C-alpha cells in the first residue's frame, strides 16, 4: 500500500475494507482532488523543458 492511499480508489472485499478504514488507508475524494492538483502543478513548474534560444 502506498502512502497516498487517500488518492487511490480501490475496490476490495469487505474484511479488507474494514482493516483499511481502521488503519486510515481509505480514499478521500476532496484530499485526492487536492493532491492531484498539487502534483500536476509541481510537475508543470519543475519538469518543463527549458525554452530554446532563438538564433
Protein backbone atom coordinates (compact mmCIF):
# COMPACT_ATOMS: atom_id res chain seq x y z
CA UNK A 1 0.00 0.00 0.00
CA UNK A 2 1.34 3.44 -0.85
CA UNK A 3 1.46 6.41 1.50
CA UNK A 4 -1.00 8.37 -0.64
CA UNK A 5 -3.79 5.81 -0.31
CA UNK A 6 -6.36 8.58 0.07
CA UNK A 7 -5.81 9.35 -3.63
CA UNK A 8 -6.32 5.79 -4.89
CA UNK A 9 -9.85 4.48 -5.21
CA UNK A 10 -9.56 0.70 -4.85
CA UNK A 11 -12.32 -1.89 -4.63
CA UNK A 12 -11.57 -4.61 -2.09
CA UNK A 13 -13.54 -7.27 -0.23
CA UNK A 14 -15.44 -6.29 2.93
CA UNK A 15 -12.99 -7.52 5.62
CA UNK A 16 -10.11 -5.74 3.89
CA UNK A 17 -12.18 -2.52 3.62
CA UNK A 18 -12.70 -2.54 7.38
CA UNK A 19 -9.00 -3.06 8.03
CA UNK A 20 -8.07 -0.25 5.62
CA UNK A 21 -10.51 2.11 7.38
CA UNK A 22 -9.09 1.26 10.80
CA UNK A 23 -5.51 1.98 9.73
CA UNK A 24 -6.51 5.08 7.76
CA UNK A 25 -5.81 3.88 4.20
CA UNK A 26 -9.09 4.91 2.62
CA UNK A 27 -9.99 7.02 -0.38
CA UNK A 28 -10.94 10.61 0.40
CA UNK A 29 -12.32 12.45 -2.62
CA UNK A 30 -11.51 16.03 -1.52
CA UNK A 31 -7.98 15.10 -0.44
CA UNK A 32 -7.42 13.19 -3.69
CA UNK A 33 -8.55 16.14 -5.83
CA UNK A 34 -6.26 18.49 -3.87
CA UNK A 35 -3.32 16.07 -4.12
CA UNK A 36 -3.68 15.63 -7.89
CA UNK A 37 -3.93 19.41 -8.33
CA UNK A 38 -0.73 19.90 -6.33
CA UNK A 39 1.14 17.12 -8.14
CA UNK A 40 0.27 18.39 -11.59
CA UNK A 41 1.09 21.95 -10.55
CA UNK A 42 4.50 20.83 -9.22
CA UNK A 43 5.25 18.89 -12.40
CA UNK A 44 4.20 21.85 -14.53
CA UNK A 45 6.51 24.14 -12.59
CA UNK A 46 9.57 21.90 -12.21
CA UNK A 47 9.54 19.49 -15.15
CA UNK A 48 9.11 21.83 -18.09
CA UNK A 49 11.75 21.80 -20.77
CA UNK A 50 13.78 24.98 -20.90
CA UNK A 51 12.95 27.28 -23.78
CA UNK A 52 15.27 27.02 -26.78
CA UNK A 53 17.23 30.15 -27.50
CA UNK A 54 16.27 31.71 -30.81
CA UNK A 55 19.09 32.21 -33.33
